[in-house]
PDB file of N, CA and C in Angstrom:
ATOM      1  N   MET A   1     216.534  48.947-137.269  1.00  0.00           N
ATOM      2  CA  MET A   1     216.868  48.885-135.859  1.00  0.00           C
ATOM      3  C   MET A   1     215.962  49.843-135.093  1.00  0.00           C
ATOM      4  N   GLY A   2     215.484  49.412-133.977  1.00  0.00           N
ATOM      5  CA  GLY A   2     214.706  50.281-133.114  1.00  0.00           C
ATOM      6  C   GLY A   2     213.278  50.505-133.542  1.00  0.00           C
ATOM      7  N   ARG A   3     212.628  49.479-134.104  1.00  0.00           N
ATOM      8  CA  ARG A   3     211.239  49.649-134.526  1.00  0.00           C
ATOM      9  C   ARG A   3     210.255  49.160-133.485  1.00  0.00           C
ATOM     10  N   THR A   4     210.691  48.297-132.597  1.00  0.00           N
ATOM     11  CA  THR A   4     209.793  47.769-131.582  1.00  0.00           C
ATOM     12  C   THR A   4     210.331  48.107-130.193  1.00  0.00           C
ATOM     13  N   ASP A   5     209.505  47.931-129.188  1.00  0.00           N
ATOM     14  CA  ASP A   5     209.931  48.161-127.816  1.00  0.00           C
ATOM     15  C   ASP A   5     211.165  47.319-127.494  1.00  0.00           C
ATOM     16  N   ASP A   6     211.126  46.040-127.861  1.00  0.00           N
ATOM     17  CA  ASP A   6     212.250  45.143-127.571  1.00  0.00           C
ATOM     18  C   ASP A   6     213.524  45.582-128.285  1.00  0.00           C
ATOM     19  N   GLU A   7     213.415  45.992-129.555  1.00  0.00           N
ATOM     20  CA  GLU A   7     214.592  46.440-130.308  1.00  0.00           C
ATOM     21  C   GLU A   7     215.198  47.703-129.699  1.00  0.00           C
ATOM     22  N   ILE A   8     214.358  48.619-129.267  1.00  0.00           N
ATOM     23  CA  ILE A   8     214.845  49.859-128.666  1.00  0.00           C
ATOM     24  C   ILE A   8     215.560  49.558-127.352  1.00  0.00           C
ATOM     25  N   ARG A   9     214.978  48.713-126.537  1.00  0.00           N
ATOM     26  CA  ARG A   9     215.608  48.355-125.259  1.00  0.00           C
ATOM     27  C   ARG A   9     216.921  47.601-125.478  1.00  0.00           C
ATOM     28  N   GLU A  10     216.941  46.704-126.451  1.00  0.00           N
ATOM     29  CA  GLU A  10     218.156  45.955-126.759  1.00  0.00           C
ATOM     30  C   GLU A  10     219.263  46.893-127.261  1.00  0.00           C
ATOM     31  N   ALA A  11     218.899  47.835-128.136  1.00  0.00           N
ATOM     32  CA  ALA A  11     219.887  48.784-128.655  1.00  0.00           C
ATOM     33  C   ALA A  11     220.460  49.639-127.525  1.00  0.00           C
ATOM     34  N   ARG A  12     219.617  50.088-126.605  1.00  0.00           N
ATOM     35  CA  ARG A  12     220.107  50.888-125.480  1.00  0.00           C
ATOM     36  C   ARG A  12     221.055  50.063-124.618  1.00  0.00           C
ATOM     37  N   ASP A  13     220.667  48.834-124.317  1.00  0.00           N
ATOM     38  CA  ASP A  13     221.530  47.968-123.518  1.00  0.00           C
ATOM     39  C   ASP A  13     222.868  47.726-124.217  1.00  0.00           C
ATOM     40  N   ASP A  14     222.823  47.476-125.515  1.00  0.00           N
ATOM     41  CA  ASP A  14     224.058  47.263-126.279  1.00  0.00           C
ATOM     42  C   ASP A  14     224.941  48.514-126.264  1.00  0.00           C
ATOM     43  N   TRP A  15     224.328  49.679-126.387  1.00  0.00           N
ATOM     44  CA  TRP A  15     225.084  50.934-126.363  1.00  0.00           C
ATOM     45  C   TRP A  15     225.836  51.072-125.032  1.00  0.00           C
ATOM     46  N   MET A  16     225.151  50.730-123.961  1.00  0.00           N
ATOM     47  CA  MET A  16     225.725  50.922-122.634  1.00  0.00           C
ATOM     48  C   MET A  16     226.744  49.840-122.259  1.00  0.00           C
ATOM     49  N   THR A  17     226.650  48.643-122.838  1.00  0.00           N
ATOM     50  CA  THR A  17     227.466  47.530-122.351  1.00  0.00           C
ATOM     51  C   THR A  17     228.356  46.856-123.383  1.00  0.00           C
ATOM     52  N   SER A  18     228.289  47.224-124.651  1.00  0.00           N
ATOM     53  CA  SER A  18     229.073  46.482-125.648  1.00  0.00           C
ATOM     54  C   SER A  18     229.704  47.417-126.670  1.00  0.00           C
ATOM     55  N   ASP A  19     230.364  46.800-127.628  1.00  0.00           N
ATOM     56  CA  ASP A  19     231.021  47.551-128.702  1.00  0.00           C
ATOM     57  C   ASP A  19     230.223  47.502-129.999  1.00  0.00           C
ATOM     58  N   ARG A  20     228.946  47.160-129.920  1.00  0.00           N
ATOM     59  CA  ARG A  20     228.102  47.024-131.116  1.00  0.00           C
ATOM     60  C   ARG A  20     228.155  48.272-131.997  1.00  0.00           C
ATOM     61  N   PHE A  21     228.224  49.454-131.384  1.00  0.00           N
ATOM     62  CA  PHE A  21     228.159  50.695-132.150  1.00  0.00           C
ATOM     63  C   PHE A  21     229.531  51.300-132.442  1.00  0.00           C
ATOM     64  N   GLY A  22     230.593  50.661-131.996  1.00  0.00           N
ATOM     65  CA  GLY A  22     231.932  51.146-132.296  1.00  0.00           C
ATOM     66  C   GLY A  22     232.269  52.409-131.528  1.00  0.00           C
ATOM     67  N   GLU A  23     233.217  53.163-132.066  1.00  0.00           N
ATOM     68  CA  GLU A  23     233.660  54.394-131.424  1.00  0.00           C
ATOM     69  C   GLU A  23     233.688  55.526-132.431  1.00  0.00           C
ATOM     70  N   VAL A  24     233.660  56.740-131.933  1.00  0.00           N
ATOM     71  CA  VAL A  24     233.739  57.918-132.793  1.00  0.00           C
ATOM     72  C   VAL A  24     235.200  58.340-132.846  1.00  0.00           C
ATOM     73  N   LYS A  25     235.798  58.237-134.012  1.00  0.00           N
ATOM     74  CA  LYS A  25     237.210  58.591-134.180  1.00  0.00           C
ATOM     75  C   LYS A  25     237.394  60.087-133.951  1.00  0.00           C
ATOM     76  N   GLY A  26     238.404  60.444-133.183  1.00  0.00           N
ATOM     77  CA  GLY A  26     238.727  61.839-132.953  1.00  0.00           C
ATOM     78  C   GLY A  26     237.987  62.479-131.794  1.00  0.00           C
ATOM     79  N   TYR A  27     237.064  61.745-131.151  1.00  0.00           N
ATOM     80  CA  TYR A  27     236.329  62.282-130.010  1.00  0.00           C
ATOM     81  C   TYR A  27     237.077  61.909-128.747  1.00  0.00           C
ATOM     82  N   ASP A  28     237.518  62.927-127.980  1.00  0.00           N
ATOM     83  CA  ASP A  28     238.342  62.684-126.801  1.00  0.00           C
ATOM     84  C   ASP A  28     237.559  62.649-125.497  1.00  0.00           C
ATOM     85  N   GLY A  29     236.282  62.958-125.520  1.00  0.00           N
ATOM     86  CA  GLY A  29     235.485  63.006-124.293  1.00  0.00           C
ATOM     87  C   GLY A  29     235.053  61.637-123.822  1.00  0.00           C
ATOM     88  N   ASP A  30     234.395  61.615-122.671  1.00  0.00           N
ATOM     89  CA  ASP A  30     233.840  60.382-122.136  1.00  0.00           C
ATOM     90  C   ASP A  30     232.699  59.901-123.024  1.00  0.00           C
ATOM     91  N   ARG A  31     232.499  58.602-123.038  1.00  0.00           N
ATOM     92  CA  ARG A  31     231.385  58.018-123.800  1.00  0.00           C
ATOM     93  C   ARG A  31     230.068  58.553-123.234  1.00  0.00           C
ATOM     94  N   LEU A  32     229.163  58.959-124.103  1.00  0.00           N
ATOM     95  CA  LEU A  32     227.867  59.483-123.678  1.00  0.00           C
ATOM     96  C   LEU A  32     226.911  58.335-123.368  1.00  0.00           C
ATOM     97  N   ASP A  33     226.128  58.499-122.316  1.00  0.00           N
ATOM     98  CA  ASP A  33     225.124  57.500-121.965  1.00  0.00           C
ATOM     99  C   ASP A  33     223.906  57.637-122.874  1.00  0.00           C
ATOM    100  N   ALA A  34     223.286  56.507-123.166  1.00  0.00           N
ATOM    101  CA  ALA A  34     222.028  56.524-123.907  1.00  0.00           C
ATOM    102  C   ALA A  34     220.929  57.030-122.976  1.00  0.00           C
ATOM    103  N   PRO A  35     219.912  57.688-123.519  1.00  0.00           N
ATOM    104  CA  PRO A  35     218.818  58.151-122.664  1.00  0.00           C
ATOM    105  C   PRO A  35     218.079  56.980-122.025  1.00  0.00           C
ATOM    106  N   GLU A  36     217.495  57.237-120.881  1.00  0.00           N
ATOM    107  CA  GLU A  36     216.699  56.226-120.200  1.00  0.00           C
ATOM    108  C   GLU A  36     215.472  55.887-121.045  1.00  0.00           C
ATOM    109  N   VAL A  37     215.048  54.641-120.970  1.00  0.00           N
ATOM    110  CA  VAL A  37     213.836  54.203-121.657  1.00  0.00           C
ATOM    111  C   VAL A  37     212.713  54.199-120.620  1.00  0.00           C
ATOM    112  N   PRO A  38     211.564  54.764-120.949  1.00  0.00           N
ATOM    113  CA  PRO A  38     210.458  54.778-119.989  1.00  0.00           C
ATOM    114  C   PRO A  38     210.071  53.365-119.544  1.00  0.00           C
ATOM    115  N   ALA A  39     209.556  53.259-118.330  1.00  0.00           N
ATOM    116  CA  ALA A  39     209.138  51.950-117.803  1.00  0.00           C
ATOM    117  C   ALA A  39     207.951  51.390-118.582  1.00  0.00           C
ATOM    118  N   ALA A  40     207.121  52.268-119.135  1.00  0.00           N
ATOM    119  CA  ALA A  40     205.948  51.827-119.906  1.00  0.00           C
ATOM    120  C   ALA A  40     206.391  51.173-121.209  1.00  0.00           C
ATOM    121  N   HIS A  41     205.601  50.233-121.695  1.00  0.00           N
ATOM    122  CA  HIS A  41     205.865  49.565-122.971  1.00  0.00           C
ATOM    123  C   HIS A  41     205.749  50.589-124.098  1.00  0.00           C
ATOM    124  N   LEU A  42     206.769  50.677-124.948  1.00  0.00           N
ATOM    125  CA  LEU A  42     206.756  51.628-126.063  1.00  0.00           C
ATOM    126  C   LEU A  42     205.960  51.048-127.224  1.00  0.00           C
ATOM    127  N   LYS A  43     205.219  51.908-127.917  1.00  0.00           N
ATOM    128  CA  LYS A  43     204.481  51.438-129.082  1.00  0.00           C
ATOM    129  C   LYS A  43     204.656  52.462-130.207  1.00  0.00           C
ATOM    130  N   ALA A  44     204.521  51.974-131.418  1.00  0.00           N
ATOM    131  CA  ALA A  44     204.680  52.836-132.586  1.00  0.00           C
ATOM    132  C   ALA A  44     203.582  53.888-132.603  1.00  0.00           C
ATOM    133  N   ARG A  45     203.907  55.033-133.137  1.00  0.00           N
ATOM    134  CA  ARG A  45     202.885  56.076-133.307  1.00  0.00           C
ATOM    135  C   ARG A  45     202.913  56.525-134.755  1.00  0.00           C
ATOM    136  N   GLY A  46     201.830  57.050-135.204  1.00  0.00           N
ATOM    137  CA  GLY A  46     201.763  57.502-136.591  1.00  0.00           C
ATOM    138  C   GLY A  46     201.677  56.349-137.558  1.00  0.00           C
ATOM    139  N   ARG A  47     202.265  56.535-138.719  1.00  0.00           N
ATOM    140  CA  ARG A  47     202.189  55.545-139.780  1.00  0.00           C
ATOM    141  C   ARG A  47     203.088  54.347-139.463  1.00  0.00           C
ATOM    142  N   VAL A  48     202.551  53.163-139.556  1.00  0.00           N
ATOM    143  CA  VAL A  48     203.305  51.936-139.321  1.00  0.00           C
ATOM    144  C   VAL A  48     203.408  51.210-140.635  1.00  0.00           C
ATOM    145  N   ARG A  49     204.608  50.784-140.974  1.00  0.00           N
ATOM    146  CA  ARG A  49     204.832  50.090-142.259  1.00  0.00           C
ATOM    147  C   ARG A  49     204.620  48.622-142.114  1.00  0.00           C
TER     148      ARG A  49
END
């Protein structure tokens, strides 16, 4: 999960709008927002498999 620009954007959207990631049992605070994704297209850096 999260290897390409599209996967990272999809995961962030899912975090913010769905139950894909479930809930943390015992955590009483508000749900944390995912960090913003830069407007620029993300690309892999370093070693690519």
